[in-house]
Amino acid sequence: MKLNGEGTKSDTHANKFSLFNRDLVRRDERDVCSAPSYDPNDAKRSLDLRALADNATIHQRMELPAPGNIKPYILKQTKEAVPVVWPQTTRDGRKKEYDTNTSVFEQYKHSQDTELSLGTTHLVGCTMLIVVSRKGVYIGHFWESISFYTDKDNSLWEKHKEDQNKIFFETVIKGMRDGKGVGPTKQQDSLRRAAPDMDDPDVRAYLIRPNKNAKEDGDYRVYWDQMKEEVFKYFPTIKNDSKRWTERIYVPVKKREKNQLKTTVRGRLLFKYDAKHPKAGVDPNAAGAILTEHRAMMWSEDEELHNDAWT
C-alpha cells in the first residue's frame, strides 16, 4: 500500500500539541523509536560500504524471492544485508556512545562484481528516506528519539534549549544538506552533494514513516514535509512528477508485540542492487543476446516498493 498522506487542519493542531507538550503522560501503546547505547568495546561500523562488500554473507548475485515466499526472504536477507544503522565512533572510546542518525550514498559503479545489499530492522517509529536512481542510492535512517521526539536525557535537548524544531533542523535537514562528520566519525552522507552523481530521468524518492507520533495523538507531518521539500531542491524531476515521491506508512509494533520484530518482517527495510542480474526468458544461444541486466529492488516489510531493471 503506497500512500501519500497530507495532514489536515486538525492533524496540524495535534502535531503542535504532541511535539512540544512534554508533561503529558504518553499512552502505554508503543515505545519511542530510541537509539540504544553501546559499550565502547562493541565493533563500530564504517560508512565505507565497499570495505564491507566482501562479507561472506553477501551473495555474489542477487537472489529474488520465490512466489509466495516473500516473508521468509525478507527475514533472511535483512539479516545478511549491510546495516544502515550503526553506533557513532568518537575519539573518546571510554564513554558509552549512542546511535546517531545515519545516511549513506552508494554509487553503483562501485558494486559491479557483487550485489549491494542494504537493510535495517526494528523500525518502531523512526523515519527513513531513500532516493534511488539508475546511478546510485541514498538511504537515511533518522531516530524518533533524536530528531522527532527528542529524549530529554539527550544532550541535544539542553544544547538547543528544548527547541524541537531546532533539533530536527540540526540533526536531519543540515545532515541532508552538508552531511555529518568526516573520516571514521562520519555519520551522514550529504544528499545535496550526492545529487549530481545520482540524478537521472528514473530517479525516485521514498519516505518510510510511522502512521502516528510517539504519543499516538498526531504525527510528524510538519517535519516530513521539510524532508520532502529538501529532496525537491536537489531533484527537480521528483518535484515535477508527484508519482516519483512515495510515502510508505508502517504501523509500529505495540509494546506487547515487540517479539514480532525478531520473528516477522515488521519494522524491516531491504534494498538490493545487482549489476549483472540474469535476465529471465533469454535464450543464451541467440545471437547478440544480452544475458544480464542491472536490477534495483526495495521492500518495506513485505511490500515491494521499487523494482527497476535496465541494460
Protein backbone atom coordinates (compact mmCIF):
# COMPACT_ATOMS: atom_id res chain seq x y z
CA MET A 1 0.00 0.00 0.00
CA LYS A 2 1.62 3.20 -1.17
CA LEU A 3 0.16 6.25 0.50
CA ASN A 4 0.77 9.94 0.07
CA GLY A 5 -0.97 11.45 3.09
CA GLU A 6 -1.23 15.13 3.82
CA GLY A 7 -2.03 16.50 7.28
CA THR A 8 -5.42 18.08 7.82
CA LYS A 9 -6.01 21.20 9.90
CA SER A 10 -6.84 19.04 12.90
CA ASP A 11 -3.68 16.99 12.26
CA THR A 12 -1.60 20.15 12.38
CA HIS A 13 -3.08 21.11 15.73
CA ALA A 14 -2.30 17.63 17.04
CA ASN A 15 1.24 17.92 15.76
CA LYS A 16 1.91 21.13 17.71
CA PHE A 17 0.30 19.71 20.80
CA SER A 18 2.15 16.38 20.73
CA LEU A 19 5.55 17.67 19.73
CA PHE A 20 6.02 20.32 22.37
CA ASN A 21 3.93 19.41 25.41
CA ARG A 22 6.32 17.12 27.28
CA ASP A 23 4.41 16.97 30.55
CA LEU A 24 1.54 14.75 29.42
CA VAL A 25 1.66 11.04 30.18
CA ARG A 26 2.14 9.06 26.97
CA ARG A 27 -0.27 6.19 26.43
CA ASP A 28 1.13 2.74 27.03
CA GLU A 29 0.85 1.74 23.39
CA ARG A 30 4.25 1.68 21.73
CA ASP A 31 7.82 2.58 22.57
CA VAL A 32 9.58 5.61 21.15
CA CYS A 33 11.96 4.53 18.39
CA SER A 34 15.01 5.15 20.55
CA ALA A 35 18.72 4.98 19.83
CA PRO A 36 20.27 2.36 22.15
CA SER A 37 23.56 2.85 23.95
CA TYR A 38 26.60 0.75 23.09
CA ASP A 39 29.62 -0.33 25.03
CA PRO A 40 32.81 1.20 23.62
CA ASN A 41 34.16 -2.33 23.08
CA ASP A 42 31.40 -3.05 20.58
CA ALA A 43 32.54 -3.08 16.97
CA LYS A 44 31.97 0.20 15.14
CA ARG A 45 30.68 0.02 11.59
CA SER A 46 32.19 2.02 8.78
CA LEU A 47 30.36 4.23 6.32
CA ASP A 48 32.56 2.72 3.60
CA LEU A 49 30.24 0.06 2.22
CA ARG A 50 32.85 -1.09 -0.26
CA ALA A 51 35.03 -2.17 2.65
CA LEU A 52 32.15 -4.35 3.84
CA ALA A 53 31.31 -5.83 0.46
CA ASP A 54 33.49 -8.90 0.93
CA ASN A 55 31.38 -10.03 3.89
CA ALA A 56 30.89 -13.75 3.31
CA THR A 57 27.17 -13.49 3.97
CA ILE A 58 26.61 -11.20 0.96
CA HIS A 59 25.78 -13.14 -2.19
CA GLN A 60 27.73 -12.58 -5.39
CA ARG A 61 24.47 -12.19 -7.31
CA MET A 62 21.04 -11.05 -6.19
CA GLU A 63 18.61 -13.72 -5.14
CA LEU A 64 14.94 -12.93 -5.75
CA PRO A 65 12.12 -14.29 -3.61
CA ALA A 66 10.16 -17.25 -4.88
CA PRO A 67 6.46 -16.57 -5.49
CA GLY A 68 4.59 -16.60 -2.19
CA ASN A 69 7.84 -16.71 -0.21
CA ILE A 70 8.39 -13.01 0.42
CA LYS A 71 8.31 -13.01 4.22
CA PRO A 72 10.99 -15.70 4.76
CA TYR A 73 13.05 -13.96 2.07
CA ILE A 74 12.92 -10.57 3.81
CA LEU A 75 13.75 -12.13 7.18
CA LYS A 76 16.81 -13.87 5.75
CA GLN A 77 18.05 -11.03 3.56
CA THR A 78 17.77 -8.28 6.18
CA LYS A 79 19.95 -10.36 8.49
CA GLU A 80 22.63 -10.62 5.81
CA ALA A 81 22.49 -7.09 4.40
CA VAL A 82 24.92 -4.32 5.35
CA PRO A 83 23.18 -2.34 8.14
CA VAL A 84 22.46 1.32 7.53
CA VAL A 85 22.32 1.98 11.28
CA TRP A 86 25.45 1.87 13.43
CA PRO A 87 26.88 3.30 16.66
CA GLN A 88 28.72 6.59 16.45
CA THR A 89 32.51 6.40 16.60
CA THR A 90 34.17 9.12 18.69
CA ARG A 91 37.69 9.79 19.81
CA ASP A 92 36.84 9.05 23.43
CA GLY A 93 36.35 5.30 23.48
CA ARG A 94 35.88 5.25 27.25
CA LYS A 95 32.36 6.60 27.03
CA LYS A 96 29.26 4.73 26.09
CA GLU A 97 28.09 6.00 22.73
CA TYR A 98 24.62 6.39 21.31
CA ASP A 99 23.39 5.59 17.85
CA THR A 100 23.12 8.61 15.63
CA ASN A 101 21.11 9.46 12.56
CA THR A 102 22.91 7.79 9.67
CA SER A 103 22.77 8.07 5.90
CA VAL A 104 24.80 6.50 3.12
CA PHE A 105 25.19 7.26 -0.57
CA GLU A 106 26.45 4.46 -2.76
CA GLN A 107 27.18 4.73 -6.49
CA TYR A 108 26.51 1.51 -8.36
CA LYS A 109 29.78 1.78 -10.25
CA HIS A 110 31.49 0.52 -7.09
CA SER A 111 29.31 -2.61 -6.97
CA GLN A 112 29.84 -4.21 -10.36
CA ASP A 113 31.31 -7.52 -9.18
CA THR A 114 28.96 -8.26 -6.32
CA GLU A 115 25.46 -7.33 -5.29
CA LEU A 116 24.80 -4.41 -2.97
CA SER A 117 22.50 -5.20 -0.04
CA LEU A 118 21.44 -2.55 2.47
CA GLY A 119 18.90 -3.07 5.20
CA THR A 120 17.56 -2.20 8.60
CA THR A 121 15.32 -3.78 11.21
CA HIS A 122 13.38 -2.73 14.33
CA LEU A 123 11.65 0.33 12.89
CA VAL A 124 9.17 1.25 15.63
CA GLY A 125 8.67 4.96 14.98
CA CYS A 126 11.79 6.08 13.16
CA THR A 127 11.72 7.62 9.69
CA MET A 128 13.72 6.55 6.65
CA LEU A 129 14.39 8.43 3.41
CA ILE A 130 15.53 6.63 0.27
CA VAL A 131 16.40 8.27 -3.05
CA VAL A 132 17.18 5.76 -5.80
CA SER A 133 18.11 6.09 -9.46
CA ARG A 134 19.98 4.09 -12.09
CA LYS A 135 23.23 5.62 -10.87
CA GLY A 136 23.07 5.10 -7.14
CA VAL A 137 21.11 5.07 -3.91
CA TYR A 138 20.92 7.28 -0.83
CA ILE A 139 19.43 5.77 2.33
CA GLY A 140 18.94 7.72 5.54
CA HIS A 141 17.71 6.50 8.92
CA PHE A 142 16.50 9.11 11.40
CA TRP A 143 15.77 8.21 15.02
CA GLU A 144 12.49 9.31 16.54
CA SER A 145 14.13 9.82 19.95
CA ILE A 146 16.81 12.08 18.46
CA SER A 147 15.08 14.21 15.86
CA PHE A 148 11.30 13.97 16.12
CA TYR A 149 10.56 13.43 19.82
CA THR A 150 13.89 14.10 21.47
CA ASP A 151 14.72 12.29 24.68
CA LYS A 152 15.14 14.80 27.48
CA ASP A 153 18.31 12.96 28.54
CA ASN A 154 19.85 13.54 25.13
CA SER A 155 22.40 16.36 25.24
CA LEU A 156 20.72 17.93 22.21
CA TRP A 157 17.65 18.76 24.31
CA GLU A 158 19.65 21.06 26.57
CA LYS A 159 22.06 22.26 23.89
CA HIS A 160 19.24 23.61 21.72
CA LYS A 161 17.22 24.94 24.67
CA GLU A 162 14.45 22.35 24.36
CA ASP A 163 13.59 23.59 20.87
CA GLN A 164 12.31 20.53 18.96
CA ASN A 165 12.22 22.39 15.64
CA LYS A 166 15.86 23.40 16.03
CA ILE A 167 16.92 19.87 16.94
CA PHE A 168 15.16 18.46 13.88
CA PHE A 169 16.81 21.01 11.63
CA GLU A 170 20.28 20.39 13.07
CA THR A 171 20.07 16.58 13.03
CA VAL A 172 18.11 15.93 9.83
CA ILE A 173 17.97 18.88 7.42
CA LYS A 174 21.57 20.01 7.96
CA GLY A 175 22.69 16.42 7.54
CA MET A 176 20.82 16.16 4.24
CA ARG A 177 22.47 19.39 3.10
CA ASP A 178 26.02 19.09 4.36
CA GLY A 179 26.46 15.62 5.82
CA LYS A 180 27.67 14.93 9.34
CA GLY A 181 31.19 14.08 10.42
CA VAL A 182 34.30 13.11 8.45
CA GLY A 183 36.55 10.07 8.22
CA PRO A 184 35.96 7.39 10.87
CA THR A 185 33.45 9.59 12.71
CA LYS A 186 31.29 10.13 9.64
CA GLN A 187 27.59 9.72 10.33
CA GLN A 188 25.74 11.08 7.32
CA ASP A 189 26.46 11.47 3.64
CA SER A 190 25.20 14.71 2.13
CA LEU A 191 22.19 14.25 -0.15
CA ARG A 192 22.89 17.67 -1.69
CA ARG A 193 26.40 16.65 -2.69
CA ALA A 194 25.25 13.23 -3.88
CA ALA A 195 22.51 14.62 -6.11
CA PRO A 196 24.69 15.45 -9.18
CA ASP A 197 26.09 11.91 -9.12
CA MET A 198 22.74 10.16 -8.95
CA ASP A 199 20.16 12.39 -10.62
CA ASP A 200 18.75 10.85 -13.79
CA PRO A 201 15.37 10.51 -15.60
CA ASP A 202 14.46 7.49 -13.46
CA VAL A 203 15.13 8.92 -10.00
CA ARG A 204 12.54 8.32 -7.29
CA ALA A 205 12.21 9.05 -3.57
CA TYR A 206 10.59 7.08 -0.78
CA LEU A 207 9.71 8.18 2.74
CA ILE A 208 9.20 5.28 5.13
CA ARG A 209 7.40 6.65 8.17
CA PRO A 210 5.17 5.63 11.09
CA ASN A 211 1.44 6.17 10.98
CA LYS A 212 1.46 8.25 14.18
CA ASN A 213 3.78 10.08 16.54
CA ALA A 214 5.12 8.62 19.78
CA LYS A 215 2.06 9.69 21.76
CA GLU A 216 -0.25 8.40 19.03
CA ASP A 217 -2.23 11.62 19.07
CA GLY A 218 -0.90 13.09 15.82
CA ASP A 219 2.06 12.67 13.50
CA TYR A 220 5.25 14.40 12.35
CA ARG A 221 3.81 15.87 9.14
CA VAL A 222 5.50 19.23 9.69
CA TYR A 223 8.90 17.51 9.71
CA TRP A 224 8.22 15.02 6.92
CA ASP A 225 7.21 17.91 4.67
CA GLN A 226 10.52 19.64 5.37
CA MET A 227 12.37 16.49 4.31
CA LYS A 228 10.24 16.32 1.18
CA GLU A 229 10.96 19.94 0.27
CA GLU A 230 14.67 19.35 0.80
CA VAL A 231 14.58 16.45 -1.67
CA PHE A 232 12.71 18.64 -4.16
CA LYS A 233 15.52 21.22 -4.02
CA TYR A 234 18.08 18.75 -5.29
CA PHE A 235 15.88 16.67 -7.60
CA PRO A 236 13.55 18.82 -9.74
CA THR A 237 12.47 15.67 -11.61
CA ILE A 238 10.90 14.38 -8.41
CA LYS A 239 9.34 17.75 -7.60
CA ASN A 240 7.73 17.99 -11.02
CA ASP A 241 6.23 14.48 -11.00
CA SER A 242 4.18 13.53 -7.95
CA LYS A 243 4.41 9.84 -8.86
CA ARG A 244 8.13 9.92 -8.11
CA TRP A 245 7.54 10.68 -4.41
CA THR A 246 6.09 7.79 -2.40
CA GLU A 247 5.28 7.65 1.29
CA ARG A 248 5.07 4.19 2.75
CA ILE A 249 3.28 4.23 6.10
CA TYR A 250 4.03 1.44 8.55
CA VAL A 251 2.34 0.64 11.84
CA PRO A 252 4.88 0.30 14.68
CA VAL A 253 4.51 -2.73 16.92
CA LYS A 254 2.94 -2.24 20.33
CA LYS A 255 4.95 -2.99 23.44
CA ARG A 256 3.27 -6.35 23.82
CA GLU A 257 4.15 -7.20 20.21
CA LYS A 258 7.90 -6.49 20.40
CA ASN A 259 8.81 -10.12 19.75
CA GLN A 260 7.42 -9.68 16.23
CA LEU A 261 10.44 -7.51 15.41
CA LYS A 262 12.57 -10.67 15.62
CA THR A 263 10.19 -13.23 14.14
CA THR A 264 8.30 -11.31 11.43
CA VAL A 265 9.00 -8.76 8.69
CA ARG A 266 7.54 -5.89 10.71
CA GLY A 267 9.86 -2.91 11.01
CA ARG A 268 12.23 -4.08 8.26
CA LEU A 269 13.54 -2.47 5.09
CA LEU A 270 15.68 -4.07 2.39
CA PHE A 271 17.36 -2.55 -0.68
CA LYS A 272 19.26 -4.63 -3.23
CA TYR A 273 21.17 -3.83 -6.42
CA ASP A 274 22.79 -6.25 -8.85
CA ALA A 275 24.84 -5.10 -11.86
CA LYS A 276 24.70 -8.49 -13.58
CA HIS A 277 21.37 -10.00 -12.72
CA PRO A 278 20.42 -12.86 -15.06
CA LYS A 279 17.66 -11.84 -17.45
CA ALA A 280 14.64 -14.11 -17.42
CA GLY A 281 13.46 -15.76 -20.63
CA VAL A 282 16.59 -15.06 -22.68
CA ASP A 283 17.97 -17.74 -24.99
CA PRO A 284 21.71 -17.82 -24.22
CA ASN A 285 22.36 -19.26 -27.68
CA ALA A 286 20.64 -16.45 -29.53
CA ALA A 287 22.95 -14.18 -31.50
CA GLY A 288 23.63 -10.92 -29.70
CA ALA A 289 21.57 -11.97 -26.69
CA ILE A 290 22.01 -9.80 -23.57
CA LEU A 291 22.07 -12.27 -20.73
CA THR A 292 22.26 -9.88 -17.76
CA GLU A 293 20.71 -6.62 -16.64
CA HIS A 294 21.03 -4.10 -13.86
CA ARG A 295 18.35 -4.63 -11.21
CA ALA A 296 17.48 -2.44 -8.20
CA MET A 297 14.74 -3.50 -5.78
CA MET A 298 13.44 -2.41 -2.39
CA TRP A 299 10.94 -3.75 0.10
CA SER A 300 9.38 -2.21 3.20
CA GLU A 301 8.29 -5.10 5.40
CA ASP A 302 6.69 -7.46 2.84
CA GLU A 303 5.70 -4.76 0.35
CA GLU A 304 7.71 -4.30 -2.81
CA LEU A 305 8.25 -0.57 -3.30
CA HIS A 306 10.85 -0.39 -6.04
CA ASN A 307 11.64 -2.71 -8.94
CA ASP A 308 13.71 -1.32 -11.80
CA ALA A 309 15.68 -3.21 -14.44
CA TRP A 310 17.78 -1.82 -17.28
CA THR A 311 20.57 -2.85 -19.64
